[in-house]
C-alpha atoms as a PDB file:
ATOM      1  CA  UNK A   1       5.396 -15.073 -16.597  1.00  0.00           C
ATOM      2  CA  UNK A   2       6.226 -11.347 -16.378  1.00  0.00           C
ATOM      3  CA  UNK A   3       9.757  -9.929 -15.163  1.00  0.00           C
ATOM      4  CA  UNK A   4       9.723  -9.808 -11.402  1.00  0.00           C
ATOM      5  CA  UNK A   5       8.247  -6.758  -9.902  1.00  0.00           C
ATOM      6  CA  UNK A   6      10.230  -4.661  -7.170  1.00  0.00           C
ATOM      7  CA  UNK A   7       7.146  -4.143  -4.372  1.00  0.00           C
ATOM      8  CA  UNK A   8       8.353  -1.491  -2.035  1.00  0.00           C
ATOM      9  CA  UNK A   9       6.789  -0.891   1.259  1.00  0.00           C
ATOM     10  CA  UNK A  10       6.878   2.915   3.092  1.00  0.00           C
ATOM     11  CA  UNK A  11       7.939   2.747   6.728  1.00  0.00           C
ATOM     12  CA  UNK A  12       7.906   5.628   8.983  1.00  0.00           C
ATOM     13  CA  UNK A  13       7.315   5.736  12.834  1.00  0.00           C
ATOM     14  CA  UNK A  14       4.122   5.087  14.329  1.00  0.00           C
ATOM     15  CA  UNK A  15       3.045   3.071  11.613  1.00  0.00           C
ATOM     16  CA  UNK A  16       0.483   0.484  12.008  1.00  0.00           C
ATOM     17  CA  UNK A  17       2.037  -2.868  11.986  1.00  0.00           C
ATOM     18  CA  UNK A  18      -0.556  -4.734   9.956  1.00  0.00           C
ATOM     19  CA  UNK A  19      -0.851  -2.172   7.558  1.00  0.00           C
ATOM     20  CA  UNK A  20       2.623  -2.831   5.909  1.00  0.00           C
ATOM     21  CA  UNK A  21       3.811  -6.300   7.570  1.00  0.00           C
ATOM     22  CA  UNK A  22       0.122  -7.705   5.528  1.00  0.00           C
ATOM     23  CA  UNK A  23       0.616  -6.591   2.360  1.00  0.00           C
ATOM     24  CA  UNK A  24       4.393  -7.860   3.004  1.00  0.00           C
ATOM     25  CA  UNK A  25       3.689 -11.291   3.459  1.00  0.00           C
ATOM     26  CA  UNK A  26       1.190 -11.482   1.052  1.00  0.00           C
ATOM     27  CA  UNK A  27       3.581 -10.413  -1.920  1.00  0.00           C
ATOM     28  CA  UNK A  28       6.441 -12.598  -0.021  1.00  0.00           C
ATOM     29  CA  UNK A  29       4.071 -15.677   0.022  1.00  0.00           C
ATOM     30  CA  UNK A  30       3.111 -15.122  -3.418  1.00  0.00           C
ATOM     31  CA  UNK A  31       6.578 -14.827  -4.650  1.00  0.00           C
ATOM     32  CA  UNK A  32       7.454 -18.181  -2.635  1.00  0.00           C
ATOM     33  CA  UNK A  33       4.733 -20.429  -4.303  1.00  0.00           C
ATOM     34  CA  UNK A  34       6.257 -19.213  -7.884  1.00  0.00           C
ATOM     35  CA  UNK A  35       9.400 -19.751  -6.464  1.00  0.00           C
ATOM     36  CA  UNK A  36      10.915 -20.853 -10.071  1.00  0.00           C
ATOM     37  CA  UNK A  37       9.901 -17.344 -11.727  1.00  0.00           C
ATOM     38  CA  UNK A  38      10.150 -15.026  -8.409  1.00  0.00           C
ATOM     39  CA  UNK A  39       7.623 -12.558  -9.423  1.00  0.00           C
ATOM     40  CA  UNK A  40       8.135 -10.167  -6.432  1.00  0.00           C
ATOM     41  CA  UNK A  41      10.942  -8.773  -4.791  1.00  0.00           C
ATOM     42  CA  UNK A  42       9.347  -7.204  -1.604  1.00  0.00           C
ATOM     43  CA  UNK A  43      11.685  -4.438   0.468  1.00  0.00           C
ATOM     44  CA  UNK A  44      11.008  -1.951   2.750  1.00  0.00           C
ATOM     45  CA  UNK A  45      12.150   2.189   2.541  1.00  0.00           C
ATOM     46  CA  UNK A  46      12.082   4.850   4.842  1.00  0.00           C
ATOM     47  CA  UNK A  47      13.536   8.381   4.932  1.00  0.00           C
ATOM     48  CA  UNK A  48      16.422   7.248   7.184  1.00  0.00           C
ATOM     49  CA  UNK A  49      18.148   4.611   7.707  1.00  0.00           C
ATOM     50  CA  UNK A  50      18.064   4.290  11.287  1.00  0.00           C
ATOM     51  CA  UNK A  51      15.239   1.819  12.711  1.00  0.00           C
ATOM     52  CA  UNK A  52      11.607   3.004  12.574  1.00  0.00           C
ATOM     53  CA  UNK A  53       9.506   2.292  15.988  1.00  0.00           C
ATOM     54  CA  UNK A  54       6.185   1.456  14.718  1.00  0.00           C
ATOM     55  CA  UNK A  55       2.703   1.895  16.770  1.00  0.00           C
ATOM     56  CA  UNK A  56       3.434  -0.117  19.760  1.00  0.00           C
ATOM     57  CA  UNK A  57       7.121   0.354  19.534  1.00  0.00           C
ATOM     58  CA  UNK A  58       8.081  -2.491  17.419  1.00  0.00           C
ATOM     59  CA  UNK A  59      11.412  -1.478  16.054  1.00  0.00           C
ATOM     60  CA  UNK A  60      11.922  -2.529  12.145  1.00  0.00           C
ATOM     61  CA  UNK A  61      15.135  -1.818  10.227  1.00  0.00           C
ATOM     62  CA  UNK A  62      14.129  -0.191   6.552  1.00  0.00           C
ATOM     63  CA  UNK A  63      16.108  -2.261   4.068  1.00  0.00           C
ATOM     64  CA  UNK A  64      16.547   1.117   1.790  1.00  0.00           C
ATOM     65  CA  UNK A  65      16.309   4.878   2.120  1.00  0.00           C
ATOM     66  CA  UNK A  66      15.029   7.416  -0.094  1.00  0.00           C
ATOM     67  CA  UNK A  67      18.526   8.380  -1.326  1.00  0.00           C
ATOM     68  CA  UNK A  68      19.226   4.677  -2.539  1.00  0.00           C
ATOM     69  CA  UNK A  69      16.006   2.572  -2.725  1.00  0.00           C
ATOM     70  CA  UNK A  70      15.751   0.912  -6.319  1.00  0.00           C
ATOM     71  CA  UNK A  71      12.352   1.973  -8.479  1.00  0.00           C
ATOM     72  CA  UNK A  72       9.364   0.304  -7.568  1.00  0.00           C
ATOM     73  CA  UNK A  73       6.692  -1.296 -10.035  1.00  0.00           C
ATOM     74  CA  UNK A  74       4.694  -1.499  -6.912  1.00  0.00           C
ATOM     75  CA  UNK A  75       4.620   1.046  -4.010  1.00  0.00           C
ATOM     76  CA  UNK A  76       2.420  -0.083  -0.797  1.00  0.00           C
ATOM     77  CA  UNK A  77       1.633   3.105   1.316  1.00  0.00           C
ATOM     78  CA  UNK A  78       0.661   1.942   5.226  1.00  0.00           C
ATOM     79  CA  UNK A  79      -1.317   4.367   7.691  1.00  0.00           C
ATOM     80  CA  UNK A  80      -0.853   4.572  11.188  1.00  0.00           C
ATOM     81  CA  UNK A  81      -0.632   7.434  13.785  1.00  0.00           C
ATOM     82  CA  UNK A  82       2.197   8.576  12.388  1.00  0.00           C
ATOM     83  CA  UNK A  83       0.289   9.482   9.319  1.00  0.00           C
ATOM     84  CA  UNK A  84      -0.542  13.160  11.110  1.00  0.00           C
ATOM     85  CA  UNK A  85       3.201  14.070  11.524  1.00  0.00           C
ATOM     86  CA  UNK A  86       4.251  12.825   7.733  1.00  0.00           C
ATOM     87  CA  UNK A  87       1.530  14.851   6.185  1.00  0.00           C
ATOM     88  CA  UNK A  88       3.581  17.804   6.801  1.00  0.00           C
ATOM     89  CA  UNK A  89       6.935  16.160   5.827  1.00  0.00           C
ATOM     90  CA  UNK A  90       7.578  17.863   2.781  1.00  0.00           C
ATOM     91  CA  UNK A  91      10.673  15.290   1.714  1.00  0.00           C
ATOM     92  CA  UNK A  92       8.466  12.610   2.069  1.00  0.00           C
ATOM     93  CA  UNK A  93       5.594  14.404  -0.136  1.00  0.00           C
ATOM     94  CA  UNK A  94       8.300  14.938  -2.641  1.00  0.00           C
ATOM     95  CA  UNK A  95       9.625  11.609  -2.564  1.00  0.00           C
ATOM     96  CA  UNK A  96       6.190  10.027  -2.798  1.00  0.00           C
ATOM     97  CA  UNK A  97       4.996  12.440  -5.939  1.00  0.00           C
ATOM     98  CA  UNK A  98       8.509  11.311  -7.625  1.00  0.00           C
ATOM     99  CA  UNK A  99       8.302   7.082  -6.802  1.00  0.00           C
ATOM    100  CA  UNK A 100       4.269   7.202  -7.514  1.00  0.00           C
ATOM    101  CA  UNK A 101       5.067   8.344 -10.952  1.00  0.00           C
ATOM    102  CA  UNK A 102       7.036   6.311 -12.074  1.00  0.00           C
ATOM    103  CA  UNK A 103       5.078   3.048 -10.611  1.00  0.00           C
ATOM    104  CA  UNK A 104       2.827   0.581 -12.141  1.00  0.00           C
ATOM    105  CA  UNK A 105       0.776   0.243  -8.569  1.00  0.00           C
ATOM    106  CA  UNK A 106       0.297   2.552  -5.734  1.00  0.00           C
ATOM    107  CA  UNK A 107      -1.459   0.867  -3.040  1.00  0.00           C
ATOM    108  CA  UNK A 108      -2.552   2.648   0.164  1.00  0.00           C
ATOM    109  CA  UNK A 109      -3.450   1.024   3.444  1.00  0.00           C
ATOM    110  CA  UNK A 110      -5.780   2.752   5.724  1.00  0.00           C
ATOM    111  CA  UNK A 111      -4.853   6.322   6.520  1.00  0.00           C
ATOM    112  CA  UNK A 112      -1.617   5.763   4.298  1.00  0.00           C
ATOM    113  CA  UNK A 113      -4.305   7.537   1.728  1.00  0.00           C
ATOM    114  CA  UNK A 114      -3.817  10.966   3.128  1.00  0.00           C
ATOM    115  CA  UNK A 115      -0.367  10.676   2.551  1.00  0.00           C
ATOM    116  CA  UNK A 116      -1.319  10.464  -1.194  1.00  0.00           C
ATOM    117  CA  UNK A 117      -4.072  13.083  -1.062  1.00  0.00           C
ATOM    118  CA  UNK A 118      -1.240  15.750   0.419  1.00  0.00           C
ATOM    119  CA  UNK A 119       0.867  14.703  -2.509  1.00  0.00           C
ATOM    120  CA  UNK A 120      -1.772  15.253  -4.685  1.00  0.00           C
ATOM    121  CA  UNK A 121      -1.809  12.152  -6.230  1.00  0.00           C
ATOM    122  CA  UNK A 122      -5.928  11.489  -5.709  1.00  0.00           C
ATOM    123  CA  UNK A 123      -7.350  14.114  -7.708  1.00  0.00           C
ATOM    124  CA  UNK A 124     -10.434  13.340  -9.754  1.00  0.00           C
ATOM    125  CA  UNK A 125     -10.337   9.757  -8.443  1.00  0.00           C
ATOM    126  CA  UNK A 126     -12.436   7.318  -6.654  1.00  0.00           C
ATOM    127  CA  UNK A 127     -10.869   6.590  -3.482  1.00  0.00           C
ATOM    128  CA  UNK A 128     -11.342   4.840   0.378  1.00  0.00           C
ATOM    129  CA  UNK A 129      -9.750   4.662   3.861  1.00  0.00           C
ATOM    130  CA  UNK A 130     -10.123   3.955   7.363  1.00  0.00           C
ATOM    131  CA  UNK A 131     -13.669   4.577   8.265  1.00  0.00           C
ATOM    132  CA  UNK A 132     -12.865   6.905  10.767  1.00  0.00           C
ATOM    133  CA  UNK A 133     -10.450   9.157   8.515  1.00  0.00           C
ATOM    134  CA  UNK A 134     -13.261   9.246   5.743  1.00  0.00           C
ATOM    135  CA  UNK A 135     -13.816  12.913   6.484  1.00  0.00           C
ATOM    136  CA  UNK A 136     -10.087  13.912   6.921  1.00  0.00           C
ATOM    137  CA  UNK A 137      -9.669  12.396   3.340  1.00  0.00           C
ATOM    138  CA  UNK A 138     -12.275  14.350   1.798  1.00  0.00           C
ATOM    139  CA  UNK A 139     -10.861  17.577   3.249  1.00  0.00           C
ATOM    140  CA  UNK A 140      -7.352  16.494   1.769  1.00  0.00           C
ATOM    141  CA  UNK A 141      -8.507  15.419  -1.486  1.00  0.00           C
ATOM    142  CA  UNK A 142     -11.984  17.258  -2.170  1.00  0.00           C
ATOM    143  CA  UNK A 143     -11.852  16.903  -5.987  1.00  0.00           C
ATOM    144  CA  UNK A 144     -11.817  13.019  -5.250  1.00  0.00           C
ATOM    145  CA  UNK A 145     -14.775  10.690  -4.668  1.00  0.00           C
ATOM    146  CA  UNK A 146     -14.342   9.281  -0.952  1.00  0.00           C
ATOM    147  CA  UNK A 147     -15.902   6.001  -0.662  1.00  0.00           C
ATOM    148  CA  UNK A 148     -17.250   4.538   2.432  1.00  0.00           C
ATOM    149  CA  UNK A 149     -18.632   1.488   3.554  1.00  0.00           C
ATOM    150  CA  UNK A 150     -16.232  -0.741   1.069  1.00  0.00           C
ATOM    151  CA  UNK A 151     -13.412  -2.913   1.658  1.00  0.00           C
ATOM    152  CA  UNK A 152     -10.925  -1.120  -1.168  1.00  0.00           C
ATOM    153  CA  UNK A 153     -11.188   0.937  -4.307  1.00  0.00           C
ATOM    154  CA  UNK A 154      -9.658   0.108  -7.427  1.00  0.00           C
ATOM    155  CA  UNK A 155      -8.963   3.269  -9.690  1.00  0.00           C
ATOM    156  CA  UNK A 156      -6.556   1.710 -12.339  1.00  0.00           C
ATOM    157  CA  UNK A 157      -2.831   3.135 -11.079  1.00  0.00           C
ATOM    158  CA  UNK A 158      -3.651   3.988  -7.411  1.00  0.00           C
ATOM    159  CA  UNK A 159      -5.229   1.531  -4.921  1.00  0.00           C
ATOM    160  CA  UNK A 160      -6.891   2.411  -1.601  1.00  0.00           C
ATOM    161  CA  UNK A 161      -7.852   0.406   1.338  1.00  0.00           C
ATOM    162  CA  UNK A 162     -10.002   0.727   4.408  1.00  0.00           C
ATOM    163  CA  UNK A 163      -8.660   0.239   7.457  1.00  0.00           C
ATOM    164  CA  UNK A 164      -5.707  -2.260   8.462  1.00  0.00           C
ATOM    165  CA  UNK A 165      -7.014  -5.495   7.752  1.00  0.00           C
ATOM    166  CA  UNK A 166      -8.224  -4.260   4.527  1.00  0.00           C
ATOM    167  CA  UNK A 167      -4.592  -4.343   3.427  1.00  0.00           C
ATOM    168  CA  UNK A 168      -4.249  -7.911   2.999  1.00  0.00           C
ATOM    169  CA  UNK A 169      -7.397  -8.128   0.820  1.00  0.00           C
ATOM    170  CA  UNK A 170      -5.775  -5.211  -1.055  1.00  0.00           C
ATOM    171  CA  UNK A 171      -2.474  -6.884  -1.391  1.00  0.00           C
ATOM    172  CA  UNK A 172      -4.588  -9.684  -2.588  1.00  0.00           C
ATOM    173  CA  UNK A 173      -6.659  -7.927  -5.383  1.00  0.00           C
ATOM    174  CA  UNK A 174      -3.061  -6.542  -6.639  1.00  0.00           C
ATOM    175  CA  UNK A 175      -1.538 -10.132  -6.855  1.00  0.00           C
ATOM    176  CA  UNK A 176      -4.568 -10.895  -8.783  1.00  0.00           C
ATOM    177  CA  UNK A 177      -4.509  -7.991 -10.961  1.00  0.00           C
ATOM    178  CA  UNK A 178      -0.707  -8.668 -11.671  1.00  0.00           C
ATOM    179  CA  UNK A 179      -0.322 -12.821 -11.473  1.00  0.00           C
ATOM    180  CA  UNK A 180      -4.139 -13.761 -11.805  1.00  0.00           C
ATOM    181  CA  UNK A 181      -7.010 -14.793  -9.437  1.00  0.00           C
ATOM    182  CA  UNK A 182      -5.987 -18.254  -9.106  1.00  0.00           C
ATOM    183  CA  UNK A 183      -2.400 -16.775  -7.884  1.00  0.00           C
ATOM    184  CA  UNK A 184      -4.506 -14.713  -5.285  1.00  0.00           C
ATOM    185  CA  UNK A 185      -6.578 -17.634  -4.019  1.00  0.00           C
ATOM    186  CA  UNK A 186      -3.597 -19.780  -3.603  1.00  0.00           C
ATOM    187  CA  UNK A 187      -1.668 -17.046  -1.571  1.00  0.00           C
ATOM    188  CA  UNK A 188      -4.856 -16.630   0.481  1.00  0.00           C
ATOM    189  CA  UNK A 189      -4.960 -20.490   1.253  1.00  0.00           C
ATOM    190  CA  UNK A 190      -1.486 -20.271   2.022  1.00  0.00           C
ATOM    191  CA  UNK A 191      -1.935 -17.677   4.906  1.00  0.00           C
ATOM    192  CA  UNK A 192      -5.454 -19.138   5.795  1.00  0.00           C
ATOM    193  CA  UNK A 193      -6.737 -15.993   5.146  1.00  0.00           C
ATOM    194  CA  UNK A 194     -10.583 -15.892   4.013  1.00  0.00           C
ATOM    195  CA  UNK A 195     -10.454 -13.746   1.254  1.00  0.00           C
ATOM    196  CA  UNK A 196     -13.059 -12.407  -0.767  1.00  0.00           C
ATOM    197  CA  UNK A 197     -12.385 -11.456  -4.132  1.00  0.00           C
ATOM    198  CA  UNK A 198     -13.504  -8.104  -5.249  1.00  0.00           C
ATOM    199  CA  UNK A 199     -15.456  -8.664  -8.461  1.00  0.00           C
ATOM    200  CA  UNK A 200     -17.429  -5.145  -8.625  1.00  0.00           C
ATOM    201  CA  UNK A 201     -15.803  -2.126 -10.866  1.00  0.00           C
ATOM    202  CA  UNK A 202     -14.878   0.423  -7.866  1.00  0.00           C
ATOM    203  CA  UNK A 203     -13.147   2.783 -10.473  1.00  0.00           C
ATOM    204  CA  UNK A 204     -16.076   5.293 -10.039  1.00  0.00           C
END
């Protein structure tokens, strides 16, 4: 079994709850199923230590801030209405550039892909996002191949997914990459999720 991977999940005000909580649950359950090896340590991170108010105003306390978070192996970047503000947040974008370069996998959910685009991380890649944000992503990343009508796109270092619930599929896809498809299937059964593995090459 590989060494434990650090899974950091970005939070910001007006983030979509399922965008971050779906992948959070997937990685936590996968870790629990392999409790002797503990393949994942999952935590949240935000710019500030103050509670984050999600879309719908659920209050969430981030575990770390940009200043004190440990290095990531997997970085999860969710979407939501707050993306419109965070696209202009230079501190967040600079942080994304730094930590994405150090991570093994960067996974964006829904409009989280727009943050990766604004951070300059999608150049030349095949990508996707929420169906309502496809044109916005094409404008933000004009040299990327923006794909529609797909659940996720795996471009290697960067994995992007469609809207909201697609983040669960994408997180299971990452579990399959890192721990094997059998482990991803066990995780899907544990959360009673009807997962259909992505077997086609979605990188181009």
